[in-house]
Amino acid sequence: MAAVNGGIMDSIMQVPYDDVAVRLVLASLERNLLPDAVIRRLIRLRLTSRLLSGYRTSADIQLSDLLHFVHSLRAMPIAIKTEETKFQHYELPTAFFKLVLGKHLKYSCCLFADESNTLDDAEKATLELYCERSQIKDGHSVLDVGCGWGSLSLYIAQKYPNCQITGICNSVTQKAHIEEQCRDFELRNVEIIVADISTFDMEASYDRIFSIGMFEDVNKDDWITRYFFTGGTMPSANLLLYFQDHVSIVNHWLVNGKHYARTSEEWLKRMDQNMSSVKPIMESTYGKDSAVKWTVYWRTFFIAVAELFGCNNGDEWMVSHLLFKKK
């Protein structure tokens, strides 16, 4: 089962380097001189520009663009620049994510059933939905590709004690956290492997394979890609339907983008509430001279995700859940 984010996030903070005005804005941003209201306004302008630039005068042209993208992906490796992404994101100390994420450390869209839900509630609801939609059963062997800090792997391990779970991540800090959790909960049915998924040779077979939020964004001149997800791809809702050589689609669901928007707003709120603890983490990770800049970058990233997925009442960019079966 795959959960992917719909749309291409090449709109947020796109920066042409010869544009003096935009460089001045970025310089002000890095010095923490821009209020959140201004940052949000700028992001919304970029989103509007992205929607206009993506408009095509006919369905035929739109389909042609999609097929051109599909064919280009077939010629590419499964993942690129994974080391850069690891440095940008996943080697930041787990202590930071414990301050920002919910108790399951789920670093992707969470589902809020109603306004009273907490982030912890939303994390659990989403993990339960993954299990329900994948039709997992106790005793299954499970592969969790891109397992992050183990939110799904640990949830399955506790809920289905007879399942054997293998998680693949690209960060030693993530592996250390998951193994610590396994010791705390006395779980013996989880194995975590640190590997580059683009070169990793997996010979085992599994009853269920999950990939949650493994696709990010693409555009070499994009602010998000330069600082957070270099070399990634955030597909449209139907993109994976064009890759069924070895699998076939069983079911497909859409999750309104407002859920991801609220998720990221919660991350931002928690970061702000814990800023006294966040500051020394930023200083130790990026150095005192760059701590302010990277603190602003992280806040801007959370704001950008919230604004993107909240666009047009959550109906413009959203999240897809896809269930495939092996042919």
C-alpha atoms as a PDB file:
ATOM      1  CA  MET A   1       0.000   0.000   0.000  1.00  0.00           C
ATOM      2  CA  ALA A   2       1.319   3.437  -0.895  1.00  0.00           C
ATOM      3  CA  ALA A   3       0.290   6.794   0.462  1.00  0.00           C
ATOM      4  CA  VAL A   4       1.426   9.671  -1.737  1.00  0.00           C
ATOM      5  CA  ASN A   5       0.934  13.399  -1.804  1.00  0.00           C
ATOM      6  CA  GLY A   6      -0.979  14.700  -4.813  1.00  0.00           C
ATOM      7  CA  GLY A   7       0.370  17.521  -7.001  1.00  0.00           C
ATOM      8  CA  ILE A   8       3.851  18.888  -7.700  1.00  0.00           C
ATOM      9  CA  MET A   9       5.122  21.208  -4.989  1.00  0.00           C
ATOM     10  CA  ASP A  10       7.341  23.244  -7.284  1.00  0.00           C
ATOM     11  CA  SER A  11       5.347  26.370  -6.565  1.00  0.00           C
ATOM     12  CA  ILE A  12       6.470  27.192  -3.063  1.00  0.00           C
ATOM     13  CA  MET A  13       9.144  29.869  -2.823  1.00  0.00           C
ATOM     14  CA  GLN A  14      10.486  29.297  -6.342  1.00  0.00           C
ATOM     15  CA  VAL A  15      13.487  31.586  -6.725  1.00  0.00           C
ATOM     16  CA  PRO A  16      15.039  32.782  -9.985  1.00  0.00           C
ATOM     17  CA  TYR A  17      18.550  33.729  -8.956  1.00  0.00           C
ATOM     18  CA  ASP A  18      18.682  36.847 -11.186  1.00  0.00           C
ATOM     19  CA  ASP A  19      15.629  38.351  -9.498  1.00  0.00           C
ATOM     20  CA  VAL A  20      17.007  40.961  -7.090  1.00  0.00           C
ATOM     21  CA  ALA A  21      13.688  41.549  -5.357  1.00  0.00           C
ATOM     22  CA  VAL A  22      13.230  37.884  -4.539  1.00  0.00           C
ATOM     23  CA  ARG A  23      16.786  37.612  -3.256  1.00  0.00           C
ATOM     24  CA  LEU A  24      16.129  40.533  -0.950  1.00  0.00           C
ATOM     25  CA  VAL A  25      13.000  38.804   0.331  1.00  0.00           C
ATOM     26  CA  LEU A  26      14.987  35.632   1.015  1.00  0.00           C
ATOM     27  CA  ALA A  27      17.701  37.634   2.769  1.00  0.00           C
ATOM     28  CA  SER A  28      15.030  39.187   4.989  1.00  0.00           C
ATOM     29  CA  LEU A  29      13.530  35.758   5.607  1.00  0.00           C
ATOM     30  CA  GLU A  30      16.852  34.280   6.681  1.00  0.00           C
ATOM     31  CA  ARG A  31      17.333  37.112   9.182  1.00  0.00           C
ATOM     32  CA  ASN A  32      13.859  36.466  10.624  1.00  0.00           C
ATOM     33  CA  LEU A  33      12.586  39.887   9.539  1.00  0.00           C
ATOM     34  CA  LEU A  34       9.385  38.736   7.787  1.00  0.00           C
ATOM     35  CA  PRO A  35       6.181  38.299   9.815  1.00  0.00           C
ATOM     36  CA  ASP A  36       4.264  35.079   9.305  1.00  0.00           C
ATOM     37  CA  ALA A  37       1.445  36.990   7.601  1.00  0.00           C
ATOM     38  CA  VAL A  38       3.880  38.203   4.935  1.00  0.00           C
ATOM     39  CA  ILE A  39       5.383  34.734   4.467  1.00  0.00           C
ATOM     40  CA  ARG A  40       1.924  33.222   4.046  1.00  0.00           C
ATOM     41  CA  ARG A  41       0.944  35.928   1.558  1.00  0.00           C
ATOM     42  CA  LEU A  42       4.056  35.307  -0.525  1.00  0.00           C
ATOM     43  CA  ILE A  43       3.436  31.562  -0.522  1.00  0.00           C
ATOM     44  CA  ARG A  44      -0.173  32.041  -1.607  1.00  0.00           C
ATOM     45  CA  LEU A  45       0.985  34.241  -4.475  1.00  0.00           C
ATOM     46  CA  ARG A  46       3.399  31.503  -5.553  1.00  0.00           C
ATOM     47  CA  LEU A  47       0.629  28.908  -5.379  1.00  0.00           C
ATOM     48  CA  THR A  48      -1.598  31.066  -7.563  1.00  0.00           C
ATOM     49  CA  SER A  49       1.255  31.477 -10.014  1.00  0.00           C
ATOM     50  CA  ARG A  50       1.839  27.728 -10.045  1.00  0.00           C
ATOM     51  CA  LEU A  51      -1.803  27.000 -10.811  1.00  0.00           C
ATOM     52  CA  LEU A  52      -1.786  29.528 -13.648  1.00  0.00           C
ATOM     53  CA  SER A  53       1.450  28.155 -15.105  1.00  0.00           C
ATOM     54  CA  GLY A  54       0.041  24.635 -14.988  1.00  0.00           C
ATOM     55  CA  TYR A  55      -3.138  25.542 -16.835  1.00  0.00           C
ATOM     56  CA  ARG A  56      -3.486  23.947 -20.263  1.00  0.00           C
ATOM     57  CA  THR A  57      -5.930  25.038 -22.934  1.00  0.00           C
ATOM     58  CA  SER A  58      -7.146  21.516 -23.674  1.00  0.00           C
ATOM     59  CA  ALA A  59      -7.425  18.093 -22.055  1.00  0.00           C
ATOM     60  CA  ASP A  60      -5.258  16.645 -24.831  1.00  0.00           C
ATOM     61  CA  ILE A  61      -2.347  18.948 -23.979  1.00  0.00           C
ATOM     62  CA  GLN A  62      -2.760  18.228 -20.288  1.00  0.00           C
ATOM     63  CA  LEU A  63      -2.652  14.476 -20.925  1.00  0.00           C
ATOM     64  CA  SER A  64       0.346  14.881 -23.216  1.00  0.00           C
ATOM     65  CA  ASP A  65       2.260  16.698 -20.447  1.00  0.00           C
ATOM     66  CA  LEU A  66       1.408  13.937 -17.977  1.00  0.00           C
ATOM     67  CA  LEU A  67       2.529  11.174 -20.340  1.00  0.00           C
ATOM     68  CA  HIS A  68       5.767  13.024 -21.066  1.00  0.00           C
ATOM     69  CA  PHE A  69       6.440  13.131 -17.322  1.00  0.00           C
ATOM     70  CA  VAL A  70       5.595   9.414 -16.977  1.00  0.00           C
ATOM     71  CA  HIS A  71       8.031   8.491 -19.746  1.00  0.00           C
ATOM     72  CA  SER A  72      10.777  10.634 -18.198  1.00  0.00           C
ATOM     73  CA  LEU A  73      10.334   8.859 -14.855  1.00  0.00           C
ATOM     74  CA  ARG A  74      10.708   5.436 -16.482  1.00  0.00           C
ATOM     75  CA  ALA A  75      14.204   6.430 -17.572  1.00  0.00           C
ATOM     76  CA  MET A  76      15.227   7.606 -14.086  1.00  0.00           C
ATOM     77  CA  PRO A  77      16.557   5.635 -11.104  1.00  0.00           C
ATOM     78  CA  ILE A  78      14.084   4.879  -8.317  1.00  0.00           C
ATOM     79  CA  ALA A  79      15.607   7.580  -6.110  1.00  0.00           C
ATOM     80  CA  ILE A  80      18.321  10.205  -6.505  1.00  0.00           C
ATOM     81  CA  LYS A  81      20.407  12.376  -4.158  1.00  0.00           C
ATOM     82  CA  THR A  82      19.335  10.402  -1.103  1.00  0.00           C
ATOM     83  CA  GLU A  83      22.442  11.489   0.813  1.00  0.00           C
ATOM     84  CA  GLU A  84      21.529  15.156   0.371  1.00  0.00           C
ATOM     85  CA  THR A  85      18.006  14.564   1.610  1.00  0.00           C
ATOM     86  CA  LYS A  86      19.336  12.638   4.608  1.00  0.00           C
ATOM     87  CA  PHE A  87      21.547  15.572   5.573  1.00  0.00           C
ATOM     88  CA  GLN A  88      18.764  18.099   4.956  1.00  0.00           C
ATOM     89  CA  HIS A  89      16.186  16.320   7.063  1.00  0.00           C
ATOM     90  CA  TYR A  90      16.706  12.989   8.653  1.00  0.00           C
ATOM     91  CA  GLU A  91      19.980  13.462  10.476  1.00  0.00           C
ATOM     92  CA  LEU A  92      18.551  16.363  12.457  1.00  0.00           C
ATOM     93  CA  PRO A  93      18.449  14.996  16.015  1.00  0.00           C
ATOM     94  CA  THR A  94      15.387  12.973  16.936  1.00  0.00           C
ATOM     95  CA  ALA A  95      15.007  15.326  19.901  1.00  0.00           C
ATOM     96  CA  PHE A  96      13.760  18.005  17.492  1.00  0.00           C
ATOM     97  CA  PHE A  97      11.073  15.784  16.010  1.00  0.00           C
ATOM     98  CA  LYS A  98       9.984  14.672  19.461  1.00  0.00           C
ATOM     99  CA  LEU A  99       9.283  18.326  20.201  1.00  0.00           C
ATOM    100  CA  VAL A 100       7.398  18.923  16.956  1.00  0.00           C
ATOM    101  CA  LEU A 101       5.581  15.723  15.985  1.00  0.00           C
ATOM    102  CA  GLY A 102       2.978  13.733  17.913  1.00  0.00           C
ATOM    103  CA  LYS A 103       3.757  10.837  20.220  1.00  0.00           C
ATOM    104  CA  HIS A 104       3.977   8.342  17.336  1.00  0.00           C
ATOM    105  CA  LEU A 105       6.488  10.596  15.499  1.00  0.00           C
ATOM    106  CA  LYS A 106       4.468  10.301  12.281  1.00  0.00           C
ATOM    107  CA  TYR A 107       6.133  12.621   9.784  1.00  0.00           C
ATOM    108  CA  SER A 108       3.377  12.739   7.158  1.00  0.00           C
ATOM    109  CA  CYS A 109      -0.286  13.647   6.789  1.00  0.00           C
ATOM    110  CA  CYS A 110      -2.543  12.834   9.744  1.00  0.00           C
ATOM    111  CA  LEU A 111      -6.341  12.536   9.719  1.00  0.00           C
ATOM    112  CA  PHE A 112      -8.402  14.808  11.948  1.00  0.00           C
ATOM    113  CA  ALA A 113     -11.899  13.395  12.424  1.00  0.00           C
ATOM    114  CA  ASP A 114     -13.166  16.634  14.001  1.00  0.00           C
ATOM    115  CA  GLU A 115     -11.996  19.923  15.464  1.00  0.00           C
ATOM    116  CA  SER A 116     -11.457  18.455  18.931  1.00  0.00           C
ATOM    117  CA  ASN A 117      -8.869  15.937  17.734  1.00  0.00           C
ATOM    118  CA  THR A 118      -5.321  16.346  18.965  1.00  0.00           C
ATOM    119  CA  LEU A 119      -2.294  15.585  16.801  1.00  0.00           C
ATOM    120  CA  ASP A 120      -1.800  12.375  18.782  1.00  0.00           C
ATOM    121  CA  ASP A 121      -5.394  11.370  17.974  1.00  0.00           C
ATOM    122  CA  ALA A 122      -4.883  12.161  14.301  1.00  0.00           C
ATOM    123  CA  GLU A 123      -1.658  10.141  14.107  1.00  0.00           C
ATOM    124  CA  LYS A 124      -3.323   7.085  15.617  1.00  0.00           C
ATOM    125  CA  ALA A 125      -6.393   7.404  13.384  1.00  0.00           C
ATOM    126  CA  THR A 126      -4.188   7.475  10.286  1.00  0.00           C
ATOM    127  CA  LEU A 127      -2.100   4.482  11.334  1.00  0.00           C
ATOM    128  CA  GLU A 128      -5.285   2.536  12.025  1.00  0.00           C
ATOM    129  CA  LEU A 129      -6.645   3.509   8.604  1.00  0.00           C
ATOM    130  CA  TYR A 130      -3.476   2.199   6.907  1.00  0.00           C
ATOM    131  CA  CYS A 131      -3.986  -1.157   8.602  1.00  0.00           C
ATOM    132  CA  GLU A 132      -7.655  -1.243   7.663  1.00  0.00           C
ATOM    133  CA  ARG A 133      -7.155  -0.311   4.021  1.00  0.00           C
ATOM    134  CA  SER A 134      -4.230  -2.692   3.547  1.00  0.00           C
ATOM    135  CA  GLN A 135      -6.302  -5.533   5.069  1.00  0.00           C
ATOM    136  CA  ILE A 136      -3.370  -6.570   7.221  1.00  0.00           C
ATOM    137  CA  LYS A 137      -3.760  -9.662   9.408  1.00  0.00           C
ATOM    138  CA  ASP A 138      -1.905 -10.855  12.476  1.00  0.00           C
ATOM    139  CA  GLY A 139       0.874 -13.153  11.293  1.00  0.00           C
ATOM    140  CA  HIS A 140       1.651 -11.275   8.072  1.00  0.00           C
ATOM    141  CA  SER A 141       5.207 -10.402   7.164  1.00  0.00           C
ATOM    142  CA  VAL A 142       5.461  -6.649   6.610  1.00  0.00           C
ATOM    143  CA  LEU A 143       7.943  -4.379   4.824  1.00  0.00           C
ATOM    144  CA  ASP A 144       7.823  -0.679   5.699  1.00  0.00           C
ATOM    145  CA  VAL A 145       9.797   1.229   3.049  1.00  0.00           C
ATOM    146  CA  GLY A 146      10.904   4.624   4.292  1.00  0.00           C
ATOM    147  CA  CYS A 147       9.805   3.863   7.836  1.00  0.00           C
ATOM    148  CA  GLY A 148      10.976   7.179   9.319  1.00  0.00           C
ATOM    149  CA  TRP A 149      10.915   7.077  13.106  1.00  0.00           C
ATOM    150  CA  GLY A 150       8.897   3.878  13.029  1.00  0.00           C
ATOM    151  CA  SER A 151       5.364   5.205  13.519  1.00  0.00           C
ATOM    152  CA  LEU A 152       3.753   2.516  11.365  1.00  0.00           C
ATOM    153  CA  SER A 153       6.250  -0.269  12.081  1.00  0.00           C
ATOM    154  CA  LEU A 154       5.875   0.149  15.844  1.00  0.00           C
ATOM    155  CA  TYR A 155       2.092   0.484  15.616  1.00  0.00           C
ATOM    156  CA  ILE A 156       1.768  -2.756  13.641  1.00  0.00           C
ATOM    157  CA  ALA A 157       4.250  -4.537  15.910  1.00  0.00           C
ATOM    158  CA  GLN A 158       2.130  -3.741  18.963  1.00  0.00           C
ATOM    159  CA  LYS A 159      -1.295  -4.244  17.409  1.00  0.00           C
ATOM    160  CA  TYR A 160      -0.350  -7.462  15.598  1.00  0.00           C
ATOM    161  CA  PRO A 161       2.232  -9.240  17.783  1.00  0.00           C
ATOM    162  CA  ASN A 162       2.528 -12.199  15.377  1.00  0.00           C
ATOM    163  CA  CYS A 163       3.541  -9.973  12.462  1.00  0.00           C
ATOM    164  CA  GLN A 164       7.206  -9.733  11.547  1.00  0.00           C
ATOM    165  CA  ILE A 165       8.082  -6.206  10.455  1.00  0.00           C
ATOM    166  CA  THR A 166      11.105  -5.036   8.491  1.00  0.00           C
ATOM    167  CA  GLY A 167      11.599  -1.291   8.237  1.00  0.00           C
ATOM    168  CA  ILE A 168      13.956   0.456   5.836  1.00  0.00           C
ATOM    169  CA  CYS A 169      15.208   3.968   6.595  1.00  0.00           C
ATOM    170  CA  ASN A 170      18.189   6.035   5.493  1.00  0.00           C
ATOM    171  CA  SER A 171      19.151   7.424   8.887  1.00  0.00           C
ATOM    172  CA  VAL A 172      21.088   5.920  11.772  1.00  0.00           C
ATOM    173  CA  THR A 173      19.301   8.251  14.178  1.00  0.00           C
ATOM    174  CA  GLN A 174      15.933   6.892  13.060  1.00  0.00           C
ATOM    175  CA  LYS A 175      17.126   3.326  13.468  1.00  0.00           C
ATOM    176  CA  ALA A 176      18.437   4.086  16.957  1.00  0.00           C
ATOM    177  CA  HIS A 177      15.120   5.612  18.004  1.00  0.00           C
ATOM    178  CA  ILE A 178      13.057   2.681  16.715  1.00  0.00           C
ATOM    179  CA  GLU A 179      15.298   0.117  18.384  1.00  0.00           C
ATOM    180  CA  GLU A 180      15.070   2.060  21.653  1.00  0.00           C
ATOM    181  CA  GLN A 181      11.280   1.976  21.380  1.00  0.00           C
ATOM    182  CA  CYS A 182      11.373  -1.752  20.723  1.00  0.00           C
ATOM    183  CA  ARG A 183      13.371  -2.262  23.922  1.00  0.00           C
ATOM    184  CA  ASP A 184      10.989  -0.048  25.905  1.00  0.00           C
ATOM    185  CA  PHE A 185       7.906  -1.911  24.640  1.00  0.00           C
ATOM    186  CA  GLU A 186       9.667  -5.311  24.670  1.00  0.00           C
ATOM    187  CA  LEU A 187       9.013  -5.818  20.955  1.00  0.00           C
ATOM    188  CA  ARG A 188      10.944  -8.584  19.256  1.00  0.00           C
ATOM    189  CA  ASN A 189       9.183  -8.590  15.900  1.00  0.00           C
ATOM    190  CA  VAL A 190      10.833  -5.529  14.328  1.00  0.00           C
ATOM    191  CA  GLU A 191      14.037  -5.327  12.285  1.00  0.00           C
ATOM    192  CA  ILE A 192      15.310  -1.962  11.027  1.00  0.00           C
ATOM    193  CA  ILE A 193      17.731  -1.663   8.115  1.00  0.00           C
ATOM    194  CA  VAL A 194      19.571   1.539   7.195  1.00  0.00           C
ATOM    195  CA  ALA A 195      19.924   1.538   3.420  1.00  0.00           C
ATOM    196  CA  ASP A 196      19.719   3.601   0.248  1.00  0.00           C
ATOM    197  CA  ILE A 197      16.506   2.339  -1.344  1.00  0.00           C
ATOM    198  CA  SER A 198      17.842   3.124  -4.838  1.00  0.00           C
ATOM    199  CA  THR A 199      20.605   0.519  -4.483  1.00  0.00           C
ATOM    200  CA  PHE A 200      19.270  -1.829  -1.802  1.00  0.00           C
ATOM    201  CA  ASP A 201      18.776  -5.425  -2.983  1.00  0.00           C
ATOM    202  CA  MET A 202      15.795  -6.997  -1.226  1.00  0.00           C
ATOM    203  CA  GLU A 203      15.368 -10.712  -1.928  1.00  0.00           C
ATOM    204  CA  ALA A 204      12.734 -11.577   0.672  1.00  0.00           C
ATOM    205  CA  SER A 205       9.003 -11.628  -0.012  1.00  0.00           C
ATOM    206  CA  TYR A 206       6.321 -10.017   2.170  1.00  0.00           C
ATOM    207  CA  ASP A 207       2.593 -10.258   2.680  1.00  0.00           C
ATOM    208  CA  ARG A 208       2.241  -6.487   2.913  1.00  0.00           C
ATOM    209  CA  ILE A 209       4.522  -3.687   1.706  1.00  0.00           C
ATOM    210  CA  PHE A 210       3.924  -0.100   2.843  1.00  0.00           C
ATOM    211  CA  SER A 211       5.437   3.087   1.488  1.00  0.00           C
ATOM    212  CA  ILE A 212       4.113   6.150   3.307  1.00  0.00           C
ATOM    213  CA  GLY A 213       5.056   9.633   2.118  1.00  0.00           C
ATOM    214  CA  MET A 214       8.108   8.460   0.213  1.00  0.00           C
ATOM    215  CA  PHE A 215       7.462  10.811  -2.698  1.00  0.00           C
ATOM    216  CA  GLU A 216       8.329  14.443  -2.120  1.00  0.00           C
ATOM    217  CA  ASP A 217       8.874  17.204  -4.673  1.00  0.00           C
ATOM    218  CA  VAL A 218      10.707  17.975  -7.912  1.00  0.00           C
ATOM    219  CA  ASN A 219      12.144  21.195  -9.411  1.00  0.00           C
ATOM    220  CA  LYS A 220      15.806  22.097  -9.248  1.00  0.00           C
ATOM    221  CA  ASP A 221      15.126  25.824  -8.706  1.00  0.00           C
ATOM    222  CA  ASP A 222      12.599  25.303  -5.944  1.00  0.00           C
ATOM    223  CA  TRP A 223      13.242  26.562  -2.385  1.00  0.00           C
ATOM    224  CA  ILE A 224      11.767  23.431  -0.819  1.00  0.00           C
ATOM    225  CA  THR A 225      13.858  21.088  -2.940  1.00  0.00           C
ATOM    226  CA  ARG A 226      17.080  22.998  -2.347  1.00  0.00           C
ATOM    227  CA  TYR A 227      16.802  22.888   1.433  1.00  0.00           C
ATOM    228  CA  PHE A 228      14.541  19.952   2.330  1.00  0.00           C
ATOM    229  CA  PHE A 229      13.850  17.319  -0.370  1.00  0.00           C
ATOM    230  CA  THR A 230      16.549  17.385  -3.039  1.00  0.00           C
ATOM    231  CA  GLY A 231      15.851  14.993  -5.902  1.00  0.00           C
ATOM    232  CA  GLY A 232      12.376  13.890  -4.833  1.00  0.00           C
ATOM    233  CA  THR A 233       9.109  13.646  -6.750  1.00  0.00           C
ATOM    234  CA  MET A 234       5.632  14.490  -5.518  1.00  0.00           C
ATOM    235  CA  PRO A 235       3.258  12.801  -7.960  1.00  0.00           C
ATOM    236  CA  SER A 236      -0.211  13.705  -9.062  1.00  0.00           C
ATOM    237  CA  ALA A 237      -3.022  11.588  -7.644  1.00  0.00           C
ATOM    238  CA  ASN A 238      -3.149   9.301 -10.676  1.00  0.00           C
ATOM    239  CA  LEU A 239       0.565   9.066 -11.536  1.00  0.00           C
ATOM    240  CA  LEU A 240       1.219   5.633 -10.009  1.00  0.00           C
ATOM    241  CA  LEU A 241      -1.633   4.170 -12.032  1.00  0.00           C
ATOM    242  CA  TYR A 242       0.721   4.376 -15.022  1.00  0.00           C
ATOM    243  CA  PHE A 243       3.203   1.999 -13.343  1.00  0.00           C
ATOM    244  CA  GLN A 244       1.463  -1.368 -13.204  1.00  0.00           C
ATOM    245  CA  ASP A 245       3.944  -3.662 -14.950  1.00  0.00           C
ATOM    246  CA  HIS A 246       4.324  -5.840 -11.858  1.00  0.00           C
ATOM    247  CA  VAL A 247       1.326  -4.799  -9.753  1.00  0.00           C
ATOM    248  CA  SER A 248      -2.302  -3.957 -10.377  1.00  0.00           C
ATOM    249  CA  ILE A 249      -4.475  -1.409  -8.624  1.00  0.00           C
ATOM    250  CA  VAL A 250      -7.053  -2.718  -6.159  1.00  0.00           C
ATOM    251  CA  ASN A 251      -8.356   0.517  -4.642  1.00  0.00           C
ATOM    252  CA  HIS A 252      -7.650   4.227  -4.573  1.00  0.00           C
ATOM    253  CA  TRP A 253      -8.695   6.849  -1.997  1.00  0.00           C
ATOM    254  CA  LEU A 254      -8.246  10.618  -1.785  1.00  0.00           C
ATOM    255  CA  VAL A 255      -7.735  12.526   1.459  1.00  0.00           C
ATOM    256  CA  ASN A 256      -8.657  16.221   1.414  1.00  0.00           C
ATOM    257  CA  GLY A 257      -5.598  18.442   1.738  1.00  0.00           C
ATOM    258  CA  LYS A 258      -7.006  20.234   4.788  1.00  0.00           C
ATOM    259  CA  HIS A 259      -5.889  17.256   6.888  1.00  0.00           C
ATOM    260  CA  TYR A 260      -2.260  17.769   5.846  1.00  0.00           C
ATOM    261  CA  ALA A 261      -2.629  21.525   6.278  1.00  0.00           C
ATOM    262  CA  ARG A 262      -3.797  21.074   9.861  1.00  0.00           C
ATOM    263  CA  THR A 263      -1.059  18.508  10.479  1.00  0.00           C
ATOM    264  CA  SER A 264       1.630  20.984   9.457  1.00  0.00           C
ATOM    265  CA  GLU A 265       0.000  23.803  11.426  1.00  0.00           C
ATOM    266  CA  GLU A 266       0.209  21.548  14.487  1.00  0.00           C
ATOM    267  CA  TRP A 267       3.910  20.931  13.812  1.00  0.00           C
ATOM    268  CA  LEU A 268       4.477  24.679  13.546  1.00  0.00           C
ATOM    269  CA  LYS A 269       2.558  25.351  16.757  1.00  0.00           C
ATOM    270  CA  ARG A 270       4.552  22.747  18.659  1.00  0.00           C
ATOM    271  CA  MET A 271       7.818  24.095  17.324  1.00  0.00           C
ATOM    272  CA  ASP A 272       6.903  27.583  18.517  1.00  0.00           C
ATOM    273  CA  GLN A 273       5.733  26.331  21.908  1.00  0.00           C
ATOM    274  CA  ASN A 274       9.040  24.509  22.406  1.00  0.00           C
ATOM    275  CA  MET A 275      11.337  27.168  20.939  1.00  0.00           C
ATOM    276  CA  SER A 276      13.482  27.356  24.079  1.00  0.00           C
ATOM    277  CA  SER A 277      14.358  23.682  23.532  1.00  0.00           C
ATOM    278  CA  VAL A 278      14.517  23.967  19.737  1.00  0.00           C
ATOM    279  CA  LYS A 279      17.122  26.746  19.788  1.00  0.00           C
ATOM    280  CA  PRO A 280      20.024  24.722  21.262  1.00  0.00           C
ATOM    281  CA  ILE A 281      19.222  21.845  18.869  1.00  0.00           C
ATOM    282  CA  MET A 282      19.475  24.193  15.894  1.00  0.00           C
ATOM    283  CA  GLU A 283      22.726  25.658  17.205  1.00  0.00           C
ATOM    284  CA  SER A 284      24.321  22.248  17.743  1.00  0.00           C
ATOM    285  CA  THR A 285      23.165  20.976  14.339  1.00  0.00           C
ATOM    286  CA  TYR A 286      23.756  23.967  12.056  1.00  0.00           C
ATOM    287  CA  GLY A 287      26.156  26.097  14.129  1.00  0.00           C
ATOM    288  CA  LYS A 288      25.388  29.301  16.016  1.00  0.00           C
ATOM    289  CA  ASP A 289      25.891  31.481  12.943  1.00  0.00           C
ATOM    290  CA  SER A 290      23.266  29.549  10.940  1.00  0.00           C
ATOM    291  CA  ALA A 291      20.839  28.608  13.721  1.00  0.00           C
ATOM    292  CA  VAL A 292      18.486  31.551  13.167  1.00  0.00           C
ATOM    293  CA  LYS A 293      18.374  30.969   9.419  1.00  0.00           C
ATOM    294  CA  TRP A 294      17.573  27.285   9.764  1.00  0.00           C
ATOM    295  CA  THR A 295      15.002  27.891  12.468  1.00  0.00           C
ATOM    296  CA  VAL A 296      13.244  30.249  10.056  1.00  0.00           C
ATOM    297  CA  TYR A 297      13.638  27.704   7.239  1.00  0.00           C
ATOM    298  CA  TRP A 298      11.913  25.008   9.277  1.00  0.00           C
ATOM    299  CA  ARG A 299       9.098  27.319  10.312  1.00  0.00           C
ATOM    300  CA  THR A 300       8.678  28.448   6.697  1.00  0.00           C
ATOM    301  CA  PHE A 301       8.639  24.844   5.540  1.00  0.00           C
ATOM    302  CA  PHE A 302       5.787  23.996   7.909  1.00  0.00           C
ATOM    303  CA  ILE A 303       3.902  27.140   6.861  1.00  0.00           C
ATOM    304  CA  ALA A 304       4.436  26.312   3.185  1.00  0.00           C
ATOM    305  CA  VAL A 305       3.099  22.773   3.565  1.00  0.00           C
ATOM    306  CA  ALA A 306       0.057  24.097   5.429  1.00  0.00           C
ATOM    307  CA  GLU A 307      -0.676  26.729   2.792  1.00  0.00           C
ATOM    308  CA  LEU A 308      -0.152  24.339  -0.112  1.00  0.00           C
ATOM    309  CA  PHE A 309      -2.470  21.617   1.122  1.00  0.00           C
ATOM    310  CA  GLY A 310      -5.017  24.098   2.432  1.00  0.00           C
ATOM    311  CA  CYS A 311      -5.288  25.772  -0.976  1.00  0.00           C
ATOM    312  CA  ASN A 312      -8.799  25.920  -2.448  1.00  0.00           C
ATOM    313  CA  ASN A 313     -10.301  24.350   0.655  1.00  0.00           C
ATOM    314  CA  GLY A 314      -8.023  21.303   0.364  1.00  0.00           C
ATOM    315  CA  ASP A 315      -9.295  20.280  -3.073  1.00  0.00           C
ATOM    316  CA  GLU A 316      -6.273  21.409  -5.117  1.00  0.00           C
ATOM    317  CA  TRP A 317      -3.406  19.416  -3.602  1.00  0.00           C
ATOM    318  CA  MET A 318      -4.275  16.385  -1.532  1.00  0.00           C
ATOM    319  CA  VAL A 319      -3.129  12.942  -0.419  1.00  0.00           C
ATOM    320  CA  SER A 320      -3.694   9.644  -2.220  1.00  0.00           C
ATOM    321  CA  HIS A 321      -3.850   6.190  -0.681  1.00  0.00           C
ATOM    322  CA  LEU A 322      -3.366   3.422  -3.201  1.00  0.00           C
ATOM    323  CA  LEU A 323      -3.687  -0.321  -2.678  1.00  0.00           C
ATOM    324  CA  PHE A 324      -1.857  -2.543  -5.184  1.00  0.00           C
ATOM    325  CA  LYS A 325      -1.532  -6.290  -5.476  1.00  0.00           C
ATOM    326  CA  LYS A 326       1.218  -8.303  -7.093  1.00  0.00           C
ATOM    327  CA  LYS A 327       0.411  -9.688 -10.514  1.00  0.00           C
END
